[in-house]
Amino acid sequence: MKLRELAHSRTGDKGNISVISVIAWKPEDYPRLKAQVTADVVAKYFQGVVHGAVKRYEIPGIHALNFVMEDALGGGVTRSLAIDAHGKCLSYALLELELPDWEG
């Protein structure tokens, strides 16, 4: 199952830091997101794109996870040669993450 089937996302950036929020479509899917979409999983998924630390923050009130990814935008919006210097497509890429089966 793809992450996009359980959640949607929003992205923001500041300098060379990209922030992706993953928000469960249904509150009952939040425990699965917490268990399966870890900082380590996201860091491995973006290996080669994100060169710094990936930190995860939980926002249970809105059934969301917030990932702060350092050194993720090729130097930042004004320095990067990337087509998507803001990193908006990173959230769409993350939603393609294949999740393992869940026994929850």
PDB file of N, CA and C in Angstrom:
ATOM      1  N   MET A   1       0.834  -1.171   0.000  1.00  0.00           N
ATOM      2  CA  MET A   1       0.000   0.000   0.000  1.00  0.00           C
ATOM      3  C   MET A   1       0.886   1.245   0.000  1.00  0.00           C
ATOM      4  N   LYS A   2       0.530   2.198  -0.801  1.00  0.00           N
ATOM      5  CA  LYS A   2       1.259   3.462  -0.851  1.00  0.00           C
ATOM      6  C   LYS A   2       0.808   4.371   0.295  1.00  0.00           C
ATOM      7  N   LEU A   3       1.738   5.160   0.790  1.00  0.00           N
ATOM      8  CA  LEU A   3       1.441   6.105   1.864  1.00  0.00           C
ATOM      9  C   LEU A   3       0.294   7.031   1.483  1.00  0.00           C
ATOM     10  N   ARG A   4       0.199   7.415   0.223  1.00  0.00           N
ATOM     11  CA  ARG A   4      -0.847   8.340  -0.234  1.00  0.00           C
ATOM     12  C   ARG A   4      -2.255   7.803  -0.015  1.00  0.00           C
ATOM     13  N   GLU A   5      -2.387   6.493   0.144  1.00  0.00           N
ATOM     14  CA  GLU A   5      -3.697   5.907   0.401  1.00  0.00           C
ATOM     15  C   GLU A   5      -4.159   6.145   1.839  1.00  0.00           C
ATOM     16  N   LEU A   6      -3.204   6.452   2.717  1.00  0.00           N
ATOM     17  CA  LEU A   6      -3.521   6.689   4.124  1.00  0.00           C
ATOM     18  C   LEU A   6      -3.385   8.142   4.545  1.00  0.00           C
ATOM     19  N   ALA A   7      -2.675   8.940   3.734  1.00  0.00           N
ATOM     20  CA  ALA A   7      -2.353  10.292   4.184  1.00  0.00           C
ATOM     21  C   ALA A   7      -2.175  11.249   3.015  1.00  0.00           C
ATOM     22  N   HIS A   8      -2.246  12.525   3.354  1.00  0.00           N
ATOM     23  CA  HIS A   8      -1.882  13.582   2.415  1.00  0.00           C
ATOM     24  C   HIS A   8      -0.746  14.358   3.053  1.00  0.00           C
ATOM     25  N   SER A   9      -0.203  15.338   2.354  1.00  0.00           N
ATOM     26  CA  SER A   9       0.962  16.034   2.894  1.00  0.00           C
ATOM     27  C   SER A   9       0.967  17.507   2.529  1.00  0.00           C
ATOM     28  N   ARG A  10       1.768  18.229   3.267  1.00  0.00           N
ATOM     29  CA  ARG A  10       2.049  19.642   3.021  1.00  0.00           C
ATOM     30  C   ARG A  10       3.548  19.814   3.178  1.00  0.00           C
ATOM     31  N   THR A  11       4.095  20.783   2.470  1.00  0.00           N
ATOM     32  CA  THR A  11       5.536  21.009   2.518  1.00  0.00           C
ATOM     33  C   THR A  11       5.840  22.480   2.746  1.00  0.00           C
ATOM     34  N   GLY A  12       6.911  22.718   3.452  1.00  0.00           N
ATOM     35  CA  GLY A  12       7.411  24.072   3.636  1.00  0.00           C
ATOM     36  C   GLY A  12       8.931  24.033   3.607  1.00  0.00           C
ATOM     37  N   ASP A  13       9.551  25.183   3.563  1.00  0.00           N
ATOM     38  CA  ASP A  13      11.004  25.217   3.564  1.00  0.00           C
ATOM     39  C   ASP A  13      11.490  26.483   4.234  1.00  0.00           C
ATOM     40  N   LYS A  14      12.700  26.417   4.700  1.00  0.00           N
ATOM     41  CA  LYS A  14      13.390  27.562   5.276  1.00  0.00           C
ATOM     42  C   LYS A  14      14.866  27.361   5.012  1.00  0.00           C
ATOM     43  N   GLY A  15      15.412  28.182   4.137  1.00  0.00           N
ATOM     44  CA  GLY A  15      16.820  28.015   3.793  1.00  0.00           C
ATOM     45  C   GLY A  15      17.047  26.679   3.115  1.00  0.00           C
ATOM     46  N   ASN A  16      17.890  25.861   3.693  1.00  0.00           N
ATOM     47  CA  ASN A  16      18.230  24.557   3.136  1.00  0.00           C
ATOM     48  C   ASN A  16      17.502  23.426   3.878  1.00  0.00           C
ATOM     49  N   ILE A  17      16.424  23.761   4.569  1.00  0.00           N
ATOM     50  CA  ILE A  17      15.648  22.793   5.337  1.00  0.00           C
ATOM     51  C   ILE A  17      14.283  22.621   4.690  1.00  0.00           C
ATOM     52  N   SER A  18      13.903  21.373   4.481  1.00  0.00           N
ATOM     53  CA  SER A  18      12.575  21.059   3.961  1.00  0.00           C
ATOM     54  C   SER A  18      11.762  20.435   5.089  1.00  0.00           C
ATOM     55  N   VAL A  19      10.514  20.826   5.183  1.00  0.00           N
ATOM     56  CA  VAL A  19       9.614  20.304   6.205  1.00  0.00           C
ATOM     57  C   VAL A  19       8.419  19.669   5.500  1.00  0.00           C
ATOM     58  N   ILE A  20       8.178  18.402   5.797  1.00  0.00           N
ATOM     59  CA  ILE A  20       7.040  17.699   5.217  1.00  0.00           C
ATOM     60  C   ILE A  20       6.133  17.227   6.337  1.00  0.00           C
ATOM     61  N   SER A  21       4.869  17.598   6.255  1.00  0.00           N
ATOM     62  CA  SER A  21       3.864  17.089   7.185  1.00  0.00           C
ATOM     63  C   SER A  21       3.090  15.989   6.473  1.00  0.00           C
ATOM     64  N   VAL A  22       2.900  14.877   7.153  1.00  0.00           N
ATOM     65  CA  VAL A  22       2.124  13.746   6.653  1.00  0.00           C
ATOM     66  C   VAL A  22       0.900  13.642   7.553  1.00  0.00           C
ATOM     67  N   ILE A  23      -0.271  13.849   6.982  1.00  0.00           N
ATOM     68  CA  ILE A  23      -1.514  13.937   7.757  1.00  0.00           C
ATOM     69  C   ILE A  23      -2.436  12.790   7.369  1.00  0.00           C
ATOM     70  N   ALA A  24      -2.833  12.002   8.349  1.00  0.00           N
ATOM     71  CA  ALA A  24      -3.700  10.856   8.089  1.00  0.00           C
ATOM     72  C   ALA A  24      -5.057  11.314   7.566  1.00  0.00           C
ATOM     73  N   TRP A  25      -5.550  10.611   6.551  1.00  0.00           N
ATOM     74  CA  TRP A  25      -6.903  10.887   6.066  1.00  0.00           C
ATOM     75  C   TRP A  25      -7.924  10.539   7.151  1.00  0.00           C
ATOM     76  N   LYS A  26      -7.671   9.438   7.874  1.00  0.00           N
ATOM     77  CA  LYS A  26      -8.579   8.976   8.926  1.00  0.00           C
ATOM     78  C   LYS A  26      -7.807   8.844  10.228  1.00  0.00           C
ATOM     79  N   PRO A  27      -8.375   9.305  11.338  1.00  0.00           N
ATOM     80  CA  PRO A  27      -7.676   9.209  12.626  1.00  0.00           C
ATOM     81  C   PRO A  27      -7.237   7.787  12.976  1.00  0.00           C
ATOM     82  N   GLU A  28      -8.007   6.793  12.565  1.00  0.00           N
ATOM     83  CA  GLU A  28      -7.652   5.413  12.917  1.00  0.00           C
ATOM     84  C   GLU A  28      -6.395   4.916  12.198  1.00  0.00           C
ATOM     85  N   ASP A  29      -5.928   5.629  11.180  1.00  0.00           N
ATOM     86  CA  ASP A  29      -4.696   5.254  10.491  1.00  0.00           C
ATOM     87  C   ASP A  29      -3.449   5.884  11.110  1.00  0.00           C
ATOM     88  N   TYR A  30      -3.640   6.808  12.041  1.00  0.00           N
ATOM     89  CA  TYR A  30      -2.499   7.497  12.649  1.00  0.00           C
ATOM     90  C   TYR A  30      -1.532   6.541  13.357  1.00  0.00           C
ATOM     91  N   PRO A  31      -2.013   5.547  14.126  1.00  0.00           N
ATOM     92  CA  PRO A  31      -1.058   4.623  14.756  1.00  0.00           C
ATOM     93  C   PRO A  31      -0.158   3.900  13.733  1.00  0.00           C
ATOM     94  N   ARG A  32      -0.723   3.552  12.602  1.00  0.00           N
ATOM     95  CA  ARG A  32       0.086   2.905  11.558  1.00  0.00           C
ATOM     96  C   ARG A  32       1.139   3.865  11.024  1.00  0.00           C
ATOM     97  N   LEU A  33       0.748   5.108  10.783  1.00  0.00           N
ATOM     98  CA  LEU A  33       1.726   6.096  10.317  1.00  0.00           C
ATOM     99  C   LEU A  33       2.856   6.242  11.323  1.00  0.00           C
ATOM    100  N   LYS A  34       2.502   6.357  12.602  1.00  0.00           N
ATOM    101  CA  LYS A  34       3.527   6.506  13.640  1.00  0.00           C
ATOM    102  C   LYS A  34       4.485   5.318  13.660  1.00  0.00           C
ATOM    103  N   ALA A  35       3.932   4.128  13.483  1.00  0.00           N
ATOM    104  CA  ALA A  35       4.759   2.923  13.549  1.00  0.00           C
ATOM    105  C   ALA A  35       5.626   2.731  12.313  1.00  0.00           C
ATOM    106  N   GLN A  36       5.109   3.081  11.144  1.00  0.00           N
ATOM    107  CA  GLN A  36       5.800   2.731   9.911  1.00  0.00           C
ATOM    108  C   GLN A  36       6.540   3.879   9.223  1.00  0.00           C
ATOM    109  N   VAL A  37       6.157   5.103   9.473  1.00  0.00           N
ATOM    110  CA  VAL A  37       6.804   6.236   8.800  1.00  0.00           C
ATOM    111  C   VAL A  37       7.692   6.941   9.829  1.00  0.00           C
ATOM    112  N   THR A  38       8.837   6.335  10.059  1.00  0.00           N
ATOM    113  CA  THR A  38       9.780   6.846  11.053  1.00  0.00           C
ATOM    114  C   THR A  38      10.783   7.803  10.400  1.00  0.00           C
ATOM    115  N   ALA A  39      11.537   8.484  11.233  1.00  0.00           N
ATOM    116  CA  ALA A  39      12.592   9.365  10.712  1.00  0.00           C
ATOM    117  C   ALA A  39      13.623   8.551   9.934  1.00  0.00           C
ATOM    118  N   ASP A  40      13.946   7.354  10.413  1.00  0.00           N
ATOM    119  CA  ASP A  40      14.918   6.506   9.717  1.00  0.00           C
ATOM    120  C   ASP A  40      14.396   6.075   8.344  1.00  0.00           C
ATOM    121  N   VAL A  41      13.110   5.721   8.275  1.00  0.00           N
ATOM    122  CA  VAL A  41      12.513   5.313   6.998  1.00  0.00           C
ATOM    123  C   VAL A  41      12.555   6.467   6.006  1.00  0.00           C
ATOM    124  N   VAL A  42      12.201   7.664   6.464  1.00  0.00           N
ATOM    125  CA  VAL A  42      12.194   8.837   5.581  1.00  0.00           C
ATOM    126  C   VAL A  42      13.614   9.192   5.147  1.00  0.00           C
ATOM    127  N   ALA A  43      14.565   9.119   6.073  1.00  0.00           N
ATOM    128  CA  ALA A  43      15.962   9.414   5.725  1.00  0.00           C
ATOM    129  C   ALA A  43      16.475   8.431   4.673  1.00  0.00           C
ATOM    130  N   LYS A  44      16.163   7.158   4.840  1.00  0.00           N
ATOM    131  CA  LYS A  44      16.599   6.158   3.862  1.00  0.00           C
ATOM    132  C   LYS A  44      15.906   6.381   2.520  1.00  0.00           C
ATOM    133  N   TYR A  45      14.623   6.718   2.554  1.00  0.00           N
ATOM    134  CA  TYR A  45      13.857   6.949   1.335  1.00  0.00           C
ATOM    135  C   TYR A  45      14.446   8.109   0.512  1.00  0.00           C
ATOM    136  N   PHE A  46      14.906   9.152   1.209  1.00  0.00           N
ATOM    137  CA  PHE A  46      15.465  10.322   0.534  1.00  0.00           C
ATOM    138  C   PHE A  46      16.991  10.323   0.504  1.00  0.00           C
ATOM    139  N   GLN A  47      17.596   9.159   0.712  1.00  0.00           N
ATOM    140  CA  GLN A  47      19.051   9.048   0.651  1.00  0.00           C
ATOM    141  C   GLN A  47      19.539   9.561  -0.702  1.00  0.00           C
ATOM    142  N   GLY A  48      20.530  10.401  -0.691  1.00  0.00           N
ATOM    143  CA  GLY A  48      21.037  10.993  -1.927  1.00  0.00           C
ATOM    144  C   GLY A  48      20.418  12.349  -2.223  1.00  0.00           C
ATOM    145  N   VAL A  49      19.267  12.646  -1.611  1.00  0.00           N
ATOM    146  CA  VAL A  49      18.604  13.943  -1.777  1.00  0.00           C
ATOM    147  C   VAL A  49      18.777  14.767  -0.510  1.00  0.00           C
ATOM    148  N   VAL A  50      18.500  14.144   0.615  1.00  0.00           N
ATOM    149  CA  VAL A  50      18.645  14.796   1.920  1.00  0.00           C
ATOM    150  C   VAL A  50      19.995  14.378   2.487  1.00  0.00           C
ATOM    151  N   HIS A  51      20.844  15.353   2.749  1.00  0.00           N
ATOM    152  CA  HIS A  51      22.200  15.062   3.185  1.00  0.00           C
ATOM    153  C   HIS A  51      22.423  15.346   4.669  1.00  0.00           C
ATOM    154  N   GLY A  52      21.394  15.810   5.355  1.00  0.00           N
ATOM    155  CA  GLY A  52      21.511  16.099   6.777  1.00  0.00           C
ATOM    156  C   GLY A  52      20.562  15.238   7.591  1.00  0.00           C
ATOM    157  N   ALA A  53      20.358  15.655   8.820  1.00  0.00           N
ATOM    158  CA  ALA A  53      19.500  14.923   9.754  1.00  0.00           C
ATOM    159  C   ALA A  53      18.034  15.014   9.347  1.00  0.00           C
ATOM    160  N   VAL A  54      17.300  13.961   9.666  1.00  0.00           N
ATOM    161  CA  VAL A  54      15.851  13.945   9.515  1.00  0.00           C
ATOM    162  C   VAL A  54      15.277  13.738  10.908  1.00  0.00           C
ATOM    163  N   LYS A  55      14.453  14.685  11.339  1.00  0.00           N
ATOM    164  CA  LYS A  55      13.806  14.600  12.658  1.00  0.00           C
ATOM    165  C   LYS A  55      12.306  14.514  12.466  1.00  0.00           C
ATOM    166  N   ARG A  56      11.657  13.707  13.306  1.00  0.00           N
ATOM    167  CA  ARG A  56      10.209  13.563  13.218  1.00  0.00           C
ATOM    168  C   ARG A  56       9.569  14.111  14.488  1.00  0.00           C
ATOM    169  N   TYR A  57       8.504  14.857  14.287  1.00  0.00           N
ATOM    170  CA  TYR A  57       7.704  15.375  15.394  1.00  0.00           C
ATOM    171  C   TYR A  57       6.281  14.870  15.206  1.00  0.00           C
ATOM    172  N   GLU A  58       5.672  14.430  16.291  1.00  0.00           N
ATOM    173  CA  GLU A  58       4.304  13.929  16.241  1.00  0.00           C
ATOM    174  C   GLU A  58       3.332  15.043  16.611  1.00  0.00           C
ATOM    175  N   ILE A  59       2.231  15.126  15.865  1.00  0.00           N
ATOM    176  CA  ILE A  59       1.183  16.113  16.123  1.00  0.00           C
ATOM    177  C   ILE A  59      -0.134  15.338  16.233  1.00  0.00           C
ATOM    178  N   PRO A  60      -0.356  14.696  17.380  1.00  0.00           N
ATOM    179  CA  PRO A  60      -1.509  13.809  17.514  1.00  0.00           C
ATOM    180  C   PRO A  60      -2.863  14.508  17.398  1.00  0.00           C
ATOM    181  N   GLY A  61      -2.930  15.773  17.742  1.00  0.00           N
ATOM    182  CA  GLY A  61      -4.197  16.500  17.666  1.00  0.00           C
ATOM    183  C   GLY A  61      -4.786  16.569  16.275  1.00  0.00           C
ATOM    184  N   ILE A  62      -3.927  16.518  15.260  1.00  0.00           N
ATOM    185  CA  ILE A  62      -4.409  16.522  13.874  1.00  0.00           C
ATOM    186  C   ILE A  62      -3.977  15.258  13.135  1.00  0.00           C
ATOM    187  N   HIS A  63      -3.522  14.257  13.890  1.00  0.00           N
ATOM    188  CA  HIS A  63      -3.156  12.950  13.334  1.00  0.00           C
ATOM    189  C   HIS A  63      -2.069  13.090  12.264  1.00  0.00           C
ATOM    190  N   ALA A  64      -1.019  13.828  12.637  1.00  0.00           N
ATOM    191  CA  ALA A  64       0.027  14.147  11.664  1.00  0.00           C
ATOM    192  C   ALA A  64       1.421  13.876  12.208  1.00  0.00           C
ATOM    193  N   LEU A  65       2.337  13.695  11.271  1.00  0.00           N
ATOM    194  CA  LEU A  65       3.760  13.614  11.563  1.00  0.00           C
ATOM    195  C   LEU A  65       4.435  14.747  10.792  1.00  0.00           C
ATOM    196  N   ASN A  66       5.403  15.373  11.420  1.00  0.00           N
ATOM    197  CA  ASN A  66       6.111  16.484  10.792  1.00  0.00           C
ATOM    198  C   ASN A  66       7.589  16.107  10.696  1.00  0.00           C
ATOM    199  N   PHE A  67       8.118  16.079   9.485  1.00  0.00           N
ATOM    200  CA  PHE A  67       9.515  15.717   9.259  1.00  0.00           C
ATOM    201  C   PHE A  67      10.311  16.958   8.889  1.00  0.00           C
ATOM    202  N   VAL A  68      11.375  17.200   9.629  1.00  0.00           N
ATOM    203  CA  VAL A  68      12.281  18.313   9.363  1.00  0.00           C
ATOM    204  C   VAL A  68      13.560  17.700   8.805  1.00  0.00           C
ATOM    205  N   MET A  69      13.858  18.051   7.556  1.00  0.00           N
ATOM    206  CA  MET A  69      14.989  17.452   6.850  1.00  0.00           C
ATOM    207  C   MET A  69      16.019  18.526   6.540  1.00  0.00           C
ATOM    208  N   GLU A  70      17.182  18.394   7.157  1.00  0.00           N
ATOM    209  CA  GLU A  70      18.250  19.375   6.992  1.00  0.00           C
ATOM    210  C   GLU A  70      19.095  19.054   5.764  1.00  0.00           C
ATOM    211  N   ASP A  71      19.680  20.096   5.202  1.00  0.00           N
ATOM    212  CA  ASP A  71      20.537  19.972   4.012  1.00  0.00           C
ATOM    213  C   ASP A  71      19.808  19.177   2.926  1.00  0.00           C
ATOM    214  N   ALA A  72      18.604  19.666   2.616  1.00  0.00           N
ATOM    215  CA  ALA A  72      17.715  18.936   1.700  1.00  0.00           C
ATOM    216  C   ALA A  72      17.426  19.656   0.393  1.00  0.00           C
ATOM    217  N   LEU A  73      17.846  20.911   0.267  1.00  0.00           N
ATOM    218  CA  LEU A  73      17.419  21.702  -0.888  1.00  0.00           C
ATOM    219  C   LEU A  73      18.582  22.256  -1.704  1.00  0.00           C
ATOM    220  N   GLY A  74      19.663  21.526  -1.749  1.00  0.00           N
ATOM    221  CA  GLY A  74      20.787  21.937  -2.591  1.00  0.00           C
ATOM    222  C   GLY A  74      21.347  23.297  -2.239  1.00  0.00           C
ATOM    223  N   GLY A  75      21.315  23.663  -0.982  1.00  0.00           N
ATOM    224  CA  GLY A  75      21.846  24.949  -0.540  1.00  0.00           C
ATOM    225  C   GLY A  75      20.765  25.967  -0.226  1.00  0.00           C
ATOM    226  N   GLY A  76      19.538  25.667  -0.576  1.00  0.00           N
ATOM    227  CA  GLY A  76      18.433  26.585  -0.301  1.00  0.00           C
ATOM    228  C   GLY A  76      17.841  27.154  -1.578  1.00  0.00           C
ATOM    229  N   VAL A  77      16.715  27.783  -1.433  1.00  0.00           N
ATOM    230  CA  VAL A  77      15.942  28.264  -2.576  1.00  0.00           C
ATOM    231  C   VAL A  77      16.752  29.186  -3.483  1.00  0.00           C
ATOM    232  N   THR A  78      17.503  30.083  -2.927  1.00  0.00           N
ATOM    233  CA  THR A  78      18.226  31.048  -3.750  1.00  0.00           C
ATOM    234  C   THR A  78      19.551  30.523  -4.285  1.00  0.00           C
ATOM    235  N   ARG A  79      20.003  29.360  -3.809  1.00  0.00           N
ATOM    236  CA  ARG A  79      21.290  28.820  -4.239  1.00  0.00           C
ATOM    237  C   ARG A  79      21.174  27.560  -5.076  1.00  0.00           C
ATOM    238  N   SER A  80      20.056  26.879  -4.991  1.00  0.00           N
ATOM    239  CA  SER A  80      19.910  25.585  -5.645  1.00  0.00           C
ATOM    240  C   SER A  80      19.701  25.725  -7.153  1.00  0.00           C
ATOM    241  N   LEU A  81      20.221  24.770  -7.887  1.00  0.00           N
ATOM    242  CA  LEU A  81      19.986  24.685  -9.322  1.00  0.00           C
ATOM    243  C   LEU A  81      18.820  23.743  -9.632  1.00  0.00           C
ATOM    244  N   ALA A  82      18.188  23.209  -8.588  1.00  0.00           N
ATOM    245  CA  ALA A  82      17.076  22.279  -8.776  1.00  0.00           C
ATOM    246  C   ALA A  82      15.876  22.994  -9.377  1.00  0.00           C
ATOM    247  N   ILE A  83      15.135  22.280 -10.209  1.00  0.00           N
ATOM    248  CA  ILE A  83      13.913  22.839 -10.799  1.00  0.00           C
ATOM    249  C   ILE A  83      12.918  23.192  -9.709  1.00  0.00           C
ATOM    250  N   ASP A  84      12.825  22.326  -8.695  1.00  0.00           N
ATOM    251  CA  ASP A  84      11.910  22.550  -7.582  1.00  0.00           C
ATOM    252  C   ASP A  84      12.723  22.947  -6.358  1.00  0.00           C
ATOM    253  N   ALA A  85      13.250  24.133  -6.344  1.00  0.00           N
ATOM    254  CA  ALA A  85      14.132  24.570  -5.268  1.00  0.00           C
ATOM    255  C   ALA A  85      13.436  24.624  -3.917  1.00  0.00           C
ATOM    256  N   HIS A  86      12.119  24.735  -3.922  1.00  0.00           N
ATOM    257  CA  HIS A  86      11.386  24.781  -2.664  1.00  0.00           C
ATOM    258  C   HIS A  86      11.137  23.393  -2.087  1.00  0.00           C
ATOM    259  N   GLY A  87      11.341  22.361  -2.845  1.00  0.00           N
ATOM    260  CA  GLY A  87      11.160  21.008  -2.346  1.00  0.00           C
ATOM    261  C   GLY A  87       9.724  20.545  -2.283  1.00  0.00           C
ATOM    262  N   LYS A  88       8.817  21.237  -2.964  1.00  0.00           N
ATOM    263  CA  LYS A  88       7.402  20.840  -2.929  1.00  0.00           C
ATOM    264  C   LYS A  88       7.209  19.415  -3.435  1.00  0.00           C
ATOM    265  N   CYS A  89       7.965  19.026  -4.441  1.00  0.00           N
ATOM    266  CA  CYS A  89       7.759  17.680  -4.991  1.00  0.00           C
ATOM    267  C   CYS A  89       8.238  16.603  -4.026  1.00  0.00           C
ATOM    268  N   LEU A  90       9.026  16.955  -3.011  1.00  0.00           N
ATOM    269  CA  LEU A  90       9.446  15.952  -2.034  1.00  0.00           C
ATOM    270  C   LEU A  90       8.251  15.355  -1.303  1.00  0.00           C
ATOM    271  N   SER A  91       7.230  16.174  -1.046  1.00  0.00           N
ATOM    272  CA  SER A  91       6.052  15.633  -0.357  1.00  0.00           C
ATOM    273  C   SER A  91       5.324  14.640  -1.247  1.00  0.00           C
ATOM    274  N   TYR A  92       5.228  14.933  -2.536  1.00  0.00           N
ATOM    275  CA  TYR A  92       4.588  13.997  -3.461  1.00  0.00           C
ATOM    276  C   TYR A  92       5.408  12.716  -3.581  1.00  0.00           C
ATOM    277  N   ALA A  93       6.717  12.863  -3.589  1.00  0.00           N
ATOM    278  CA  ALA A  93       7.583  11.689  -3.653  1.00  0.00           C
ATOM    279  C   ALA A  93       7.401  10.816  -2.410  1.00  0.00           C
ATOM    280  N   LEU A  94       7.315  11.443  -1.242  1.00  0.00           N
ATOM    281  CA  LEU A  94       7.141  10.682  -0.006  1.00  0.00           C
ATOM    282  C   LEU A  94       5.818   9.918  -0.003  1.00  0.00           C
ATOM    283  N   LEU A  95       4.786  10.489  -0.582  1.00  0.00           N
ATOM    284  CA  LEU A  95       3.493   9.803  -0.621  1.00  0.00           C
ATOM    285  C   LEU A  95       3.535   8.537  -1.477  1.00  0.00           C
ATOM    286  N   GLU A  96       4.577   8.361  -2.277  1.00  0.00           N
ATOM    287  CA  GLU A  96       4.756   7.139  -3.057  1.00  0.00           C
ATOM    288  C   GLU A  96       5.457   6.037  -2.266  1.00  0.00           C
ATOM    289  N   LEU A  97       5.833   6.329  -1.031  1.00  0.00           N
ATOM    290  CA  LEU A  97       6.469   5.339  -0.165  1.00  0.00           C
ATOM    291  C   LEU A  97       5.570   4.116  -0.023  1.00  0.00           C
ATOM    292  N   GLU A  98       6.137   2.945  -0.264  1.00  0.00           N
ATOM    293  CA  GLU A  98       5.409   1.689  -0.130  1.00  0.00           C
ATOM    294  C   GLU A  98       5.483   1.243   1.335  1.00  0.00           C
ATOM    295  N   LEU A  99       4.317   1.077   1.953  1.00  0.00           N
ATOM    296  CA  LEU A  99       4.254   0.662   3.343  1.00  0.00           C
ATOM    297  C   LEU A  99       4.109  -0.858   3.429  1.00  0.00           C
ATOM    298  N   PRO A 100       4.766  -1.466   4.432  1.00  0.00           N
ATOM    299  CA  PRO A 100       4.609  -2.907   4.610  1.00  0.00           C
ATOM    300  C   PRO A 100       3.188  -3.236   5.104  1.00  0.00           C
ATOM    301  N   ASP A 101       2.836  -4.509   5.010  1.00  0.00           N
ATOM    302  CA  ASP A 101       1.543  -4.937   5.535  1.00  0.00           C
ATOM    303  C   ASP A 101       1.446  -4.580   7.005  1.00  0.00           C
ATOM    304  N   TRP A 102       0.221  -4.389   7.461  1.00  0.00           N
ATOM    305  CA  TRP A 102      -0.014  -3.903   8.823  1.00  0.00           C
ATOM    306  C   TRP A 102      -0.929  -4.872   9.551  1.00  0.00           C
ATOM    307  N   GLU A 103      -0.471  -5.307  10.709  1.00  0.00           N
ATOM    308  CA  GLU A 103      -1.285  -6.186  11.558  1.00  0.00           C
ATOM    309  C   GLU A 103      -1.939  -5.398  12.690  1.00  0.00           C
ATOM    310  N   GLY A 104      -1.417  -4.172  12.942  1.00  0.00           N
ATOM    311  CA  GLY A 104      -1.858  -3.209  13.913  1.00  0.00           C
ATOM    312  C   GLY A 104      -2.722  -3.660  14.977  1.00  0.00           C
TER     313      GLY A 104
END
